[in-house]
Amino acid sequence: MGLRFSEDGPDFPTELVDGLLDGKVLFLCGAGVSTPQLPGFGGLVTRVFQELGVGLEDGEREARDAFRYEEVLGSLARRLSNRSAMHETVRRLLVVADPQLEKHKTILRLSRNLDNRVAIVTTNFDTFFERALDEVEDAGVAAGESFAGQALPLPGADDFGGIIHLHGRLDDPVVKIAGTPLVLTSAEYGEAYMRSGWAARFLFDLVRCKTLVLVGYSAGDAPIRYFLNVLEADRERFSDLQPVYALDAFDEAGSGEGDRWAPIAVRPLGYRRGRKGEADRHAALWRDLGALADLVEQPKAWRRRKAKALLETPFEGRSELELSIVSWLFTNKRDLWDVVITAVQDPRWFDYIAAQKLW
């Protein structure tokens, strides 16, 4: 049984919610968290070619159409006499003077260790998480909580945590953070995930310690291809690997939700995407992640408040969603019976509780 906050939002498995309460869940964040303020990988590739005044060759166009953007940039780098021009262009294109940080603040509320220290991994280059952390906590704290490239904290260590940029980081004078090399091209991905393998080792160790939730990715994104295919092969040898979930949008019920994640054994948590033309087609996701953060931050108070609000209303007319929340609140738990006694006015609630074997 899972917990769902709205009809359009994800169904969060109970074991995932419990893991969040125990500080055992970590969010792995992709480009979708920072869009539309910043382009996704495909949009970034298009703008880099435009800025450099270079046209796509046939092989690059084929790789682009197959969403292998790191290969497109790898080919471009080999064609340029000054390869650093591509990285410099990327850095310039990703500067945002006054970013909107509400999504990043929501993730900050959820992705924390049991000691309440932030623990987030991102493949984004931007420093929006550091900006958000500086706004919600003491100014200046972000500089000491930001890690990038090969200078990564050790998963499983007592002091593990911070905002971890797996593919490098831009410099940001606002929060006093220096830039690092970026993982952009197929050669750089190969170095990080295969030849030296430092990124793959970090993520493998991480999944032995934490349940991962992917947000802002699609199944075909480069980090997913490079990492999760290797991880699935290792599941047969290492029984201690934790689950990996992916928050994923779909347009209509039964439209193949989850099929694109099946080959890499990631459990999708689907939510309904908004209609075309809406300002934020992922509003259901961020609204429900905010509701989940409310629960995680004050679990006892949230459960008692929610139980009282539902049980003091007439049973007739309750939606399936509301009834599922009641079932989640009481399944395998015994701490809300005083709320039942004082809140229930309609005796049909007792019939429902008994029929569902929630007593």
Protein backbone atom coordinates (compact mmCIF):
# COMPACT_ATOMS: atom_id res chain seq x y z
CA MET A 1 0.00 0.00 0.00
CA GLY A 2 1.25 3.46 -0.91
CA LEU A 3 0.41 7.06 -0.06
CA ARG A 4 -1.10 9.34 -2.66
CA PHE A 5 -1.83 13.01 -2.06
CA SER A 6 -3.81 13.74 -5.24
CA GLU A 7 -5.40 11.95 -8.18
CA ASP A 8 -2.74 13.23 -10.58
CA GLY A 9 0.26 12.79 -8.29
CA PRO A 10 2.62 9.88 -7.66
CA ASP A 11 1.75 6.90 -5.47
CA PHE A 12 4.58 6.89 -2.92
CA PRO A 13 5.26 3.34 -1.64
CA THR A 14 5.07 2.94 2.12
CA GLU A 15 8.64 1.63 2.25
CA LEU A 16 9.81 4.79 0.48
CA VAL A 17 7.97 7.04 2.95
CA ASP A 18 9.42 5.05 5.85
CA GLY A 19 12.88 5.40 4.31
CA LEU A 20 12.46 9.17 4.10
CA LEU A 21 11.50 9.29 7.77
CA ASP A 22 14.61 7.25 8.62
CA GLY A 23 16.96 9.45 6.55
CA LYS A 24 17.75 6.57 4.17
CA VAL A 25 16.53 8.13 0.92
CA LEU A 26 18.54 10.37 -1.39
CA PHE A 27 17.32 12.31 -4.41
CA LEU A 28 19.38 12.14 -7.62
CA CYS A 29 18.44 15.24 -9.60
CA GLY A 30 18.65 15.88 -13.33
CA ALA A 31 18.09 18.76 -15.69
CA GLY A 32 14.31 18.69 -15.30
CA VAL A 33 14.61 20.17 -11.81
CA SER A 34 16.10 23.38 -13.23
CA THR A 35 13.95 23.71 -16.37
CA PRO A 36 12.58 25.86 -17.92
CA GLN A 37 15.05 28.36 -16.46
CA LEU A 38 17.87 26.34 -18.01
CA PRO A 39 17.75 24.22 -21.16
CA GLY A 40 17.77 20.45 -21.00
CA PHE A 41 20.70 18.56 -22.51
CA GLY A 42 19.16 18.60 -25.98
CA GLY A 43 18.38 22.30 -25.86
CA LEU A 44 21.87 23.02 -24.56
CA VAL A 45 23.46 21.13 -27.47
CA THR A 46 21.40 23.11 -29.98
CA ARG A 47 22.39 26.43 -28.43
CA VAL A 48 26.08 25.48 -28.26
CA PHE A 49 26.15 24.81 -32.01
CA GLN A 50 24.34 28.09 -32.64
CA GLU A 51 26.70 30.10 -30.42
CA LEU A 52 29.78 28.59 -32.05
CA GLY A 53 28.38 29.04 -35.55
CA VAL A 54 28.89 25.35 -36.39
CA GLY A 55 26.50 23.11 -38.31
CA LEU A 56 25.65 19.52 -37.46
CA GLU A 57 27.28 16.81 -39.53
CA ASP A 58 25.28 13.72 -40.55
CA GLY A 59 26.63 11.53 -37.75
CA GLU A 60 26.03 14.24 -35.17
CA ARG A 61 22.49 14.71 -36.40
CA GLU A 62 21.85 10.97 -36.10
CA ALA A 63 23.22 10.92 -32.54
CA ARG A 64 21.11 13.95 -31.64
CA ASP A 65 17.95 12.30 -32.95
CA ALA A 66 18.77 9.26 -30.79
CA PHE A 67 19.21 11.55 -27.72
CA ARG A 68 22.92 10.68 -27.43
CA TYR A 69 23.82 14.29 -26.79
CA GLU A 70 27.16 13.54 -25.13
CA GLU A 71 28.26 11.90 -28.39
CA VAL A 72 27.22 15.00 -30.34
CA LEU A 73 29.36 17.20 -28.10
CA GLY A 74 32.21 14.72 -28.25
CA SER A 75 32.20 14.91 -32.04
CA LEU A 76 32.02 18.70 -31.92
CA ALA A 77 34.98 18.88 -29.53
CA ARG A 78 37.10 16.84 -31.93
CA ARG A 79 36.26 19.25 -34.75
CA LEU A 80 37.17 22.43 -32.88
CA SER A 81 40.69 23.80 -32.96
CA ASN A 82 40.07 25.27 -29.50
CA ARG A 83 38.22 22.58 -27.58
CA SER A 84 37.90 24.74 -24.47
CA ALA A 85 35.59 27.07 -26.46
CA MET A 86 32.79 24.52 -26.16
CA HIS A 87 33.07 24.27 -22.38
CA GLU A 88 33.31 28.04 -22.05
CA THR A 89 30.16 28.41 -24.16
CA VAL A 90 28.30 25.90 -21.98
CA ARG A 91 29.27 27.76 -18.82
CA ARG A 92 28.11 31.07 -20.29
CA LEU A 93 24.77 29.64 -21.46
CA LEU A 94 23.96 28.27 -18.01
CA VAL A 95 24.25 31.54 -16.08
CA VAL A 96 20.93 32.75 -14.60
CA ALA A 97 20.98 36.05 -12.72
CA ASP A 98 17.92 35.51 -10.49
CA PRO A 99 16.88 31.83 -10.50
CA GLN A 100 13.55 30.55 -9.20
CA LEU A 101 14.35 28.08 -6.42
CA GLU A 102 11.06 26.68 -5.12
CA LYS A 103 11.60 23.23 -6.65
CA HIS A 104 15.12 23.08 -5.25
CA LYS A 105 13.88 24.08 -1.80
CA THR A 106 11.34 21.24 -1.92
CA ILE A 107 14.08 18.72 -2.66
CA LEU A 108 16.17 20.20 0.16
CA ARG A 109 13.31 19.46 2.56
CA LEU A 110 13.16 15.81 1.48
CA SER A 111 16.71 14.65 0.75
CA ARG A 112 18.34 14.67 4.18
CA ASN A 113 20.20 12.30 6.46
CA LEU A 114 18.80 11.23 9.82
CA ASP A 115 20.79 14.06 11.45
CA ASN A 116 18.89 16.49 9.15
CA ARG A 117 21.97 17.31 7.07
CA VAL A 118 21.25 17.88 3.36
CA ALA A 119 22.33 14.98 1.12
CA ILE A 120 21.62 15.50 -2.59
CA VAL A 121 23.34 14.21 -5.72
CA THR A 122 22.85 16.08 -8.99
CA THR A 123 24.26 15.80 -12.49
CA ASN A 124 23.39 19.46 -13.07
CA PHE A 125 26.16 22.02 -13.37
CA ASP A 126 24.17 24.91 -11.91
CA THR A 127 24.39 25.95 -8.27
CA PHE A 128 20.66 26.44 -7.71
CA PHE A 129 20.69 23.99 -4.78
CA GLU A 130 23.43 26.01 -3.11
CA ARG A 131 21.48 29.22 -3.68
CA ALA A 132 18.37 27.59 -2.18
CA LEU A 133 20.32 26.27 0.81
CA ASP A 134 21.70 29.73 1.51
CA GLU A 135 18.16 31.12 1.52
CA VAL A 136 16.66 28.54 3.88
CA GLU A 137 19.63 28.24 6.24
CA ASP A 138 22.34 30.60 7.43
CA ALA A 139 23.93 32.53 4.57
CA GLY A 140 27.36 31.20 3.69
CA VAL A 141 26.66 27.59 4.67
CA ALA A 142 26.41 26.37 1.07
CA ALA A 143 30.11 26.82 0.28
CA GLY A 144 31.04 24.16 2.82
CA GLU A 145 28.27 21.82 1.69
CA SER A 146 29.10 21.74 -2.03
CA PHE A 147 31.21 19.00 -3.63
CA ALA A 148 31.97 18.33 -7.28
CA GLY A 149 33.82 16.07 -9.68
CA GLN A 150 36.20 13.56 -8.14
CA ALA A 151 36.26 15.37 -4.77
CA LEU A 152 33.19 13.47 -3.56
CA PRO A 153 32.33 12.45 0.01
CA LEU A 154 32.39 8.74 0.78
CA PRO A 155 28.94 7.07 0.81
CA GLY A 156 28.34 5.32 4.10
CA ALA A 157 30.71 7.53 6.07
CA ASP A 158 29.38 9.19 9.20
CA ASP A 159 29.95 12.64 7.71
CA PHE A 160 28.45 11.87 4.29
CA GLY A 161 26.23 14.61 2.96
CA GLY A 162 26.12 17.91 1.12
CA ILE A 163 25.19 18.95 -2.40
CA ILE A 164 27.16 16.64 -4.66
CA HIS A 165 27.66 17.61 -8.32
CA LEU A 166 28.59 14.34 -9.98
CA HIS A 167 29.43 15.89 -13.37
CA GLY A 168 31.09 19.10 -12.18
CA ARG A 169 29.91 22.53 -11.15
CA LEU A 170 29.81 26.12 -12.38
CA ASP A 171 31.46 28.85 -10.37
CA ASP A 172 29.08 31.08 -8.42
CA PRO A 173 30.40 34.27 -6.78
CA VAL A 174 27.05 34.82 -5.02
CA VAL A 175 27.56 31.78 -2.77
CA LYS A 176 31.37 31.90 -3.09
CA ILE A 177 31.79 28.57 -4.89
CA ALA A 178 34.51 27.84 -7.43
CA GLY A 179 33.87 26.04 -10.69
CA THR A 180 35.25 22.59 -11.55
CA PRO A 181 35.76 20.63 -14.80
CA LEU A 182 32.49 19.50 -16.44
CA VAL A 183 31.56 16.05 -17.73
CA LEU A 184 30.00 16.89 -21.10
CA THR A 185 31.31 14.72 -23.95
CA SER A 186 31.24 11.00 -24.61
CA ALA A 187 34.96 10.84 -23.84
CA GLU A 188 34.42 12.56 -20.49
CA TYR A 189 31.51 10.24 -19.68
CA GLY A 190 33.67 7.28 -20.59
CA GLU A 191 36.42 8.47 -18.27
CA ALA A 192 34.01 9.06 -15.38
CA TYR A 193 31.95 5.88 -15.73
CA MET A 194 34.25 3.36 -17.38
CA ARG A 195 37.98 4.05 -17.81
CA SER A 196 38.68 5.60 -14.40
CA GLY A 197 35.16 4.80 -13.24
CA TRP A 198 35.10 7.18 -10.26
CA ALA A 199 31.50 8.27 -10.93
CA ALA A 200 30.29 4.68 -11.35
CA ARG A 201 32.05 3.60 -8.13
CA PHE A 202 30.54 6.48 -6.20
CA LEU A 203 27.01 5.68 -7.38
CA PHE A 204 27.43 1.96 -6.82
CA ASP A 205 28.55 2.56 -3.22
CA LEU A 206 25.72 5.04 -2.80
CA VAL A 207 23.05 2.51 -3.80
CA ARG A 208 24.39 0.11 -1.21
CA CYS A 209 23.68 2.75 1.46
CA LYS A 210 20.67 4.72 0.21
CA THR A 211 17.41 4.29 -1.66
CA LEU A 212 17.63 6.57 -4.70
CA VAL A 213 14.80 8.64 -6.16
CA LEU A 214 15.48 10.01 -9.63
CA VAL A 215 13.80 13.31 -10.44
CA GLY A 216 14.26 15.42 -13.56
CA TYR A 217 15.40 12.54 -15.78
CA SER A 218 14.03 10.50 -18.64
CA ALA A 219 14.94 6.84 -19.16
CA GLY A 220 17.20 7.69 -22.10
CA ASP A 221 19.31 10.35 -20.38
CA ALA A 222 23.07 9.78 -20.51
CA PRO A 223 23.62 9.31 -16.73
CA ILE A 224 20.85 6.72 -16.69
CA ARG A 225 22.32 4.80 -19.61
CA TYR A 226 25.86 4.83 -18.22
CA PHE A 227 25.05 4.01 -14.62
CA LEU A 228 21.87 2.00 -14.23
CA ASN A 229 22.64 -0.62 -16.87
CA VAL A 230 25.84 -1.46 -14.97
CA LEU A 231 23.98 -1.38 -11.68
CA GLU A 232 21.38 -3.90 -12.83
CA ALA A 233 24.09 -6.39 -13.73
CA ASP A 234 25.53 -6.00 -10.23
CA ARG A 235 22.19 -6.72 -8.55
CA GLU A 236 22.68 -10.41 -9.30
CA ARG A 237 25.95 -10.39 -7.33
CA PHE A 238 25.22 -7.93 -4.53
CA SER A 239 22.05 -8.49 -2.54
CA ASP A 240 22.44 -5.30 -0.48
CA LEU A 241 21.72 -2.88 -3.34
CA GLN A 242 18.78 -0.64 -2.44
CA PRO A 243 15.78 0.14 -4.70
CA VAL A 244 15.90 2.89 -7.30
CA TYR A 245 12.72 4.87 -8.05
CA ALA A 246 12.09 7.39 -10.81
CA LEU A 247 9.48 10.15 -10.75
CA ASP A 248 8.14 10.09 -14.30
CA ALA A 249 5.37 11.98 -16.08
CA PHE A 250 2.76 10.35 -18.30
CA ASP A 251 -0.01 11.87 -20.38
CA GLU A 252 -2.85 9.35 -20.11
CA ALA A 253 -3.54 6.37 -17.87
CA GLY A 254 -2.45 3.14 -19.50
CA SER A 255 -0.21 4.94 -22.00
CA GLY A 256 2.80 2.72 -21.39
CA GLU A 257 3.73 4.28 -18.07
CA GLY A 258 6.82 2.54 -16.76
CA ASP A 259 7.61 0.62 -19.95
CA ARG A 260 10.57 2.85 -20.74
CA TRP A 261 12.10 2.12 -17.32
CA ALA A 262 11.62 -1.65 -17.43
CA PRO A 263 14.89 -2.44 -19.30
CA ILE A 264 16.95 -0.81 -16.55
CA ALA A 265 14.92 -2.17 -13.60
CA VAL A 266 13.93 1.18 -12.14
CA ARG A 267 10.58 1.41 -10.42
CA PRO A 268 8.65 4.36 -11.91
CA LEU A 269 6.46 6.57 -9.74
CA GLY A 270 4.15 8.01 -12.34
CA TYR A 271 2.24 11.27 -12.21
CA ARG A 272 -0.03 12.89 -14.76
CA ARG A 273 1.55 15.60 -16.87
CA GLY A 274 -0.47 18.78 -17.33
CA ARG A 275 -2.05 19.71 -20.63
CA LYS A 276 -0.09 21.47 -23.33
CA GLY A 277 -0.12 25.20 -22.81
CA GLU A 278 -0.16 25.03 -19.01
CA ALA A 279 2.47 27.16 -17.30
CA ASP A 280 3.91 24.17 -15.43
CA ARG A 281 3.01 20.75 -16.81
CA HIS A 282 4.67 19.12 -13.77
CA ALA A 283 2.68 21.04 -11.14
CA ALA A 284 1.14 17.83 -9.73
CA LEU A 285 4.59 16.43 -8.98
CA TRP A 286 5.90 19.48 -7.15
CA ARG A 287 2.66 20.04 -5.24
CA ASP A 288 2.70 16.46 -3.96
CA LEU A 289 6.42 16.49 -3.19
CA GLY A 290 5.70 19.53 -1.05
CA ALA A 291 2.93 17.63 0.74
CA LEU A 292 5.31 14.71 1.26
CA ALA A 293 7.86 17.11 2.75
CA ASP A 294 5.21 18.35 5.21
CA LEU A 295 4.72 14.75 6.37
CA VAL A 296 8.43 13.97 6.59
CA GLU A 297 9.20 17.09 8.63
CA GLN A 298 6.42 16.53 11.21
CA PRO A 299 5.23 12.94 10.82
CA LYS A 300 3.25 12.54 14.05
CA ALA A 301 1.54 15.91 13.85
CA TRP A 302 0.78 15.45 10.15
CA ARG A 303 -0.78 11.99 10.67
CA ARG A 304 -2.96 13.13 13.56
CA ARG A 305 -4.07 16.26 11.72
CA LYS A 306 -4.91 14.32 8.55
CA ALA A 307 -6.76 11.57 10.43
CA LYS A 308 -8.88 14.08 12.35
CA ALA A 309 -9.73 16.07 9.22
CA LEU A 310 -10.94 12.97 7.38
CA LEU A 311 -12.70 11.09 10.19
CA GLU A 312 -14.77 14.01 11.46
CA THR A 313 -16.53 14.24 8.05
CA PRO A 314 -19.45 12.02 6.96
CA PHE A 315 -18.34 8.70 5.46
CA GLU A 316 -20.67 9.03 2.49
CA GLY A 317 -19.10 10.94 -0.35
CA ARG A 318 -15.50 10.17 0.58
CA SER A 319 -13.41 9.60 -2.53
CA GLU A 320 -11.27 6.53 -3.18
CA LEU A 321 -8.23 8.75 -2.68
CA GLU A 322 -9.42 9.85 0.78
CA LEU A 323 -10.22 6.28 1.79
CA SER A 324 -6.79 5.14 0.65
CA ILE A 325 -5.20 7.81 2.86
CA VAL A 326 -7.22 6.56 5.84
CA SER A 327 -6.03 3.01 5.14
CA TRP A 328 -2.42 4.19 4.92
CA LEU A 329 -2.72 6.10 8.20
CA PHE A 330 -3.90 3.06 10.15
CA THR A 331 -2.25 0.06 8.48
CA ASN A 332 0.18 -1.59 10.94
CA LYS A 333 -0.03 1.40 13.30
CA ARG A 334 -1.79 1.85 16.66
CA ASP A 335 -1.11 5.45 17.61
CA LEU A 336 -4.25 7.11 16.24
CA TRP A 337 -7.08 5.34 18.07
CA ASP A 338 -7.64 8.25 20.43
CA VAL A 339 -8.20 10.39 17.31
CA VAL A 340 -10.77 7.88 16.08
CA ILE A 341 -12.70 7.96 19.35
CA THR A 342 -12.84 11.76 19.50
CA ALA A 343 -13.20 12.57 15.79
CA VAL A 344 -15.66 10.04 14.37
CA GLN A 345 -19.25 11.29 14.24
CA ASP A 346 -20.52 8.94 11.53
CA PRO A 347 -20.59 5.27 12.71
CA ARG A 348 -20.10 4.06 9.14
CA TRP A 349 -16.42 4.90 9.61
CA PHE A 350 -16.25 2.08 12.17
CA ASP A 351 -17.74 -0.30 9.60
CA TYR A 352 -15.12 0.73 7.06
CA ILE A 353 -12.26 0.39 9.55
CA ALA A 354 -13.44 -3.06 10.55
CA ALA A 355 -14.00 -4.20 6.93
CA GLN A 356 -10.49 -3.10 5.98
CA LYS A 357 -9.09 -4.88 9.07
CA LEU A 358 -7.46 -1.69 10.29
CA TRP A 359 -8.35 -2.31 13.93
